[in-house]
Structure formats: C-alpha cells, structure tokens
C-alpha cells in the first residue's frame, strides 16, 4: 500500500505547528517555564490562544514539543558524528562540536535545555536526566575506544566520562549565563579535544 500524499493543508498545518514551537522556544529560552503563559506564546506566534490550543495544545503540550525538538537535535548530532567516522574518539569530539553548533543556531535547542533543567517539577512524566543520557553515550564511545587500544594504559573510562559530561554541562551553563552561545561550537569542541588528547594514544580528529 502506498503512503498517503502530503497535501498543501498538511504542509500548512505543520508550518503552523513549527511556528508555535519556535515562538514558544524564543520565550522559554530566556524565562522559566512558570513565568510563560499560553497567551504569551500565542502573541509571539501571531495567533489566537484558541488556534494554539487547537493546533498544539496547552502550554505543557507546547513546551513538551520544544523538548522533543531539542532531544531529536541531540540524537541527530550523535548520528551525524557516527556517519563521519567509525573511530569512537573522533565521534565524541565531533558530537561535542555539532551539539555546540545546534546550541548556537537553534533557539529550540537552547529552550529545550532550559526546560530540561526544570523537568523534574513540570515534566516528571518524561523522566528527563541529561547527565544520564550523555554519560551513557560518552561511556559507550570510551569503552569501545579502550577495547580497540585507542586509550592509554590505566585510563579509567568511568572517570573520563564523568569529566567530559560534567565539564560539558558546566560549559553550557556558563555560555547561558554569559549569553555567549556563538562560542558553543569552539568551546565544546575544544573541551572534548583537550580531554581526549590527555587520554588517547593519538589526538582525536573532529570532522
């Protein structure tokens, strides 16, 4: 059975949803979730509240959509890094830089990260734990690197994973505090390259 054709109405509806999500992200990137109202989102999107409710839902649903965009962007960065190299250390260095790119260029990502920090109160059903997610990914790459002899003898991959993830999250916090998102690619990429350079048998090659 063939896939149903996408109509102009479908495209318009998707564009409207994306516009609502972007408008919400613009507000949520700079303000706590509890300080944003659905009326604010509607005004930023140039729509009525009833239109936003019909298209996306209430504020919880809108912010949840922002979180989904942010999560998808992070997974896309991981996948793109894997496509560029089969060397796990290169994958790590590239992922950190690509994540920095998305932080710098997409307000939805910046908003999603801010909401994620508040998710234990406002979105407990999503069970978001950024540290756990990134530790799992980083540790998997480091373990593969160790198994392939790409790390120096005696390196504790658990400790290196902790260092990379905690330093990455700290860098994100400092960039947010300073409003210096344009520095995200170089800061995160440089962080990964520096740490990996201390433990690898050769320098990582971000691509």
Protein backbone atom coordinates (compact mmCIF):
# COMPACT_ATOMS: atom_id res chain seq x y z
CA UNK A 1 0.00 0.00 0.00
CA UNK A 2 1.39 3.41 -0.98
CA UNK A 3 1.89 6.22 1.51
CA UNK A 4 -0.85 8.89 1.55
CA UNK A 5 0.12 12.01 -0.34
CA UNK A 6 1.04 15.11 1.62
CA UNK A 7 -1.40 17.89 0.83
CA UNK A 8 -0.96 21.65 0.95
CA UNK A 9 -3.19 21.63 4.02
CA UNK A 10 -0.86 19.17 5.76
CA UNK A 11 2.15 21.35 4.97
CA UNK A 12 0.39 24.47 6.21
CA UNK A 13 -0.60 22.72 9.43
CA UNK A 14 2.97 21.51 10.00
CA UNK A 15 4.31 25.01 9.33
CA UNK A 16 1.86 26.47 11.83
CA UNK A 17 2.87 23.95 14.49
CA UNK A 18 6.54 24.69 13.88
CA UNK A 19 5.84 28.42 14.17
CA UNK A 20 4.16 27.91 17.54
CA UNK A 21 7.06 25.78 18.79
CA UNK A 22 9.62 28.34 17.67
CA UNK A 23 7.65 31.20 19.22
CA UNK A 24 7.42 29.30 22.50
CA UNK A 25 11.13 28.47 22.38
CA UNK A 26 12.01 32.13 21.93
CA UNK A 27 10.27 32.86 25.23
CA UNK A 28 11.29 29.72 27.10
CA UNK A 29 14.97 30.11 26.22
CA UNK A 30 15.13 33.17 28.46
CA UNK A 31 12.38 32.69 31.03
CA UNK A 32 11.44 29.94 33.48
CA UNK A 33 8.56 27.75 32.39
CA UNK A 34 6.38 29.00 35.26
CA UNK A 35 6.71 32.59 34.03
CA UNK A 36 5.45 31.93 30.50
CA UNK A 37 1.74 31.89 29.66
CA UNK A 38 -0.01 30.38 26.67
CA UNK A 39 -1.21 33.90 25.85
CA UNK A 40 2.44 34.96 25.55
CA UNK A 41 3.17 32.12 23.14
CA UNK A 42 0.12 32.89 21.03
CA UNK A 43 1.06 36.57 20.80
CA UNK A 44 4.65 35.71 19.84
CA UNK A 45 3.35 33.40 17.12
CA UNK A 46 0.85 35.97 15.87
CA UNK A 47 -2.07 33.66 16.62
CA UNK A 48 -5.05 33.49 18.91
CA UNK A 49 -4.98 31.33 22.02
CA UNK A 50 -7.74 29.12 20.60
CA UNK A 51 -5.65 28.50 17.48
CA UNK A 52 -2.67 27.39 19.56
CA UNK A 53 -4.87 25.14 21.67
CA UNK A 54 -6.37 23.55 18.57
CA UNK A 55 -3.06 23.11 16.77
CA UNK A 56 -0.62 22.13 19.54
CA UNK A 57 -2.41 22.18 22.89
CA UNK A 58 -1.91 23.89 26.22
CA UNK A 59 1.38 25.33 27.48
CA UNK A 60 2.51 21.95 28.80
CA UNK A 61 1.99 20.41 25.35
CA UNK A 62 3.76 23.30 23.62
CA UNK A 63 6.79 23.11 25.92
CA UNK A 64 6.82 19.34 25.57
CA UNK A 65 7.04 19.82 21.81
CA UNK A 66 10.07 22.07 22.37
CA UNK A 67 11.67 19.32 24.46
CA UNK A 68 11.05 16.83 21.66
CA UNK A 69 12.78 19.08 19.13
CA UNK A 70 15.76 19.51 21.45
CA UNK A 71 16.07 15.77 22.06
CA UNK A 72 15.83 15.00 18.36
CA UNK A 73 18.56 17.54 17.62
CA UNK A 74 20.92 15.92 20.13
CA UNK A 75 20.30 12.44 18.71
CA UNK A 76 20.84 13.81 15.20
CA UNK A 77 24.23 15.20 16.25
CA UNK A 78 25.25 11.81 17.65
CA UNK A 79 24.12 10.04 14.48
CA UNK A 80 25.86 12.56 12.20
CA UNK A 81 29.13 12.11 14.10
CA UNK A 82 28.91 8.33 13.71
CA UNK A 83 28.37 8.73 9.97
CA UNK A 84 31.56 10.79 9.64
CA UNK A 85 33.87 8.34 11.40
CA UNK A 86 33.99 4.87 12.88
CA UNK A 87 36.63 5.95 15.41
CA UNK A 88 34.85 6.39 18.75
CA UNK A 89 37.16 9.22 19.87
CA UNK A 90 36.53 11.14 16.66
CA UNK A 91 32.80 10.50 17.19
CA UNK A 92 32.99 12.08 20.64
CA UNK A 93 34.94 15.13 19.52
CA UNK A 94 32.65 15.66 16.53
CA UNK A 95 29.49 15.19 18.58
CA UNK A 96 30.53 17.84 21.09
CA UNK A 97 31.22 20.29 18.29
CA UNK A 98 27.96 19.51 16.47
CA UNK A 99 26.00 19.93 19.67
CA UNK A 100 27.67 23.32 20.05
CA UNK A 101 26.52 24.17 16.54
CA UNK A 102 22.91 23.36 17.40
CA UNK A 103 23.11 25.35 20.63
CA UNK A 104 24.36 28.37 18.71
CA UNK A 105 21.92 28.14 15.82
CA UNK A 106 18.63 26.81 17.22
CA UNK A 107 16.59 28.58 19.86
CA UNK A 108 14.51 25.41 20.26
CA UNK A 109 17.62 23.60 21.50
CA UNK A 110 18.51 26.35 23.96
CA UNK A 111 14.94 26.43 25.24
CA UNK A 112 14.76 22.66 25.48
CA UNK A 113 17.90 22.52 27.59
CA UNK A 114 16.49 25.15 29.95
CA UNK A 115 13.17 23.30 30.27
CA UNK A 116 15.00 20.01 30.82
CA UNK A 117 16.64 21.52 33.89
CA UNK A 118 13.16 22.16 35.32
CA UNK A 119 11.60 18.95 34.06
CA UNK A 120 11.58 17.13 37.39
CA UNK A 121 8.92 19.61 38.54
CA UNK A 122 7.00 20.38 35.37
CA UNK A 123 7.51 17.30 33.18
CA UNK A 124 8.08 14.35 35.54
CA UNK A 125 6.32 12.01 33.13
CA UNK A 126 9.21 12.38 30.67
CA UNK A 127 11.82 11.29 33.22
CA UNK A 128 14.47 13.52 31.70
CA UNK A 129 18.02 13.13 33.00
CA UNK A 130 20.51 14.93 30.72
CA UNK A 131 23.51 13.69 32.69
CA UNK A 132 22.43 10.06 32.43
CA UNK A 133 21.70 10.37 28.71
CA UNK A 134 25.07 11.91 27.89
CA UNK A 135 27.02 9.67 30.26
CA UNK A 136 25.57 6.59 28.53
CA UNK A 137 26.62 7.87 25.11
CA UNK A 138 30.08 9.07 26.17
CA UNK A 139 30.86 5.97 28.19
CA UNK A 140 29.91 3.71 25.28
CA UNK A 141 32.35 5.53 22.97
CA UNK A 142 35.14 5.49 25.57
CA UNK A 143 34.62 1.79 26.30
CA UNK A 144 34.84 0.98 22.60
CA UNK A 145 37.98 3.10 22.33
CA UNK A 146 39.53 1.25 25.25
CA UNK A 147 38.65 -2.12 23.75
CA UNK A 148 40.32 -1.06 20.49
CA UNK A 149 43.50 0.11 22.21
CA UNK A 150 42.89 3.78 21.48
CA UNK A 151 43.30 4.89 25.10
CA UNK A 152 46.45 4.96 27.18
CA UNK A 153 47.01 2.13 29.63
CA UNK A 154 45.37 2.60 33.00
CA UNK A 155 42.74 5.12 31.87
CA UNK A 156 39.54 4.92 33.95
CA UNK A 157 36.76 5.37 31.38
CA UNK A 158 34.15 5.96 34.10
CA UNK A 159 36.13 8.93 35.42
CA UNK A 160 36.78 10.31 31.94
CA UNK A 161 33.07 10.04 31.12
CA UNK A 162 32.26 11.95 34.31
CA UNK A 163 34.79 14.64 33.42
CA UNK A 164 33.57 15.09 29.85
CA UNK A 165 29.87 15.19 30.69
CA UNK A 166 30.14 17.37 33.79
CA UNK A 167 32.52 19.78 32.04
CA UNK A 168 30.20 19.88 29.03
CA UNK A 169 27.19 20.67 31.18
CA UNK A 170 29.18 23.28 33.07
CA UNK A 171 30.23 24.88 29.80
CA UNK A 172 26.61 25.01 28.70
CA UNK A 173 25.69 26.75 31.94
CA UNK A 174 28.44 29.34 31.57
CA UNK A 175 27.51 30.03 27.94
CA UNK A 176 23.91 30.59 29.02
CA UNK A 177 24.94 32.86 31.89
CA UNK A 178 27.11 34.96 29.58
CA UNK A 179 24.74 34.86 26.61
CA UNK A 180 27.68 33.62 24.56
CA UNK A 181 26.00 30.88 22.54
CA UNK A 182 28.07 31.77 19.47
CA UNK A 183 31.08 30.35 21.32
CA UNK A 184 29.40 26.97 21.88
CA UNK A 185 30.96 25.09 18.92
CA UNK A 186 34.53 26.10 19.73
CA UNK A 187 34.14 25.78 23.49
CA UNK A 188 32.54 22.34 23.46
CA UNK A 189 34.69 21.08 20.60
CA UNK A 190 37.84 22.34 22.30
CA UNK A 191 36.79 20.79 25.60
CA UNK A 192 36.37 17.35 24.05
CA UNK A 193 39.61 17.56 22.10
CA UNK A 194 41.57 18.65 25.19
CA UNK A 195 40.23 15.91 27.47
CA UNK A 196 40.54 13.18 24.85
CA UNK A 197 44.04 14.35 23.99
CA UNK A 198 45.09 13.62 27.56
CA UNK A 199 43.89 10.02 27.50
CA UNK A 200 44.19 8.90 23.88
CA UNK A 201 47.15 7.23 22.22
CA UNK A 202 46.71 9.83 19.46
CA UNK A 203 44.75 13.10 19.08
CA UNK A 204 41.05 12.90 18.19
CA UNK A 205 40.15 14.17 14.71
CA UNK A 206 36.81 16.04 14.76
CA UNK A 207 35.28 16.26 11.30
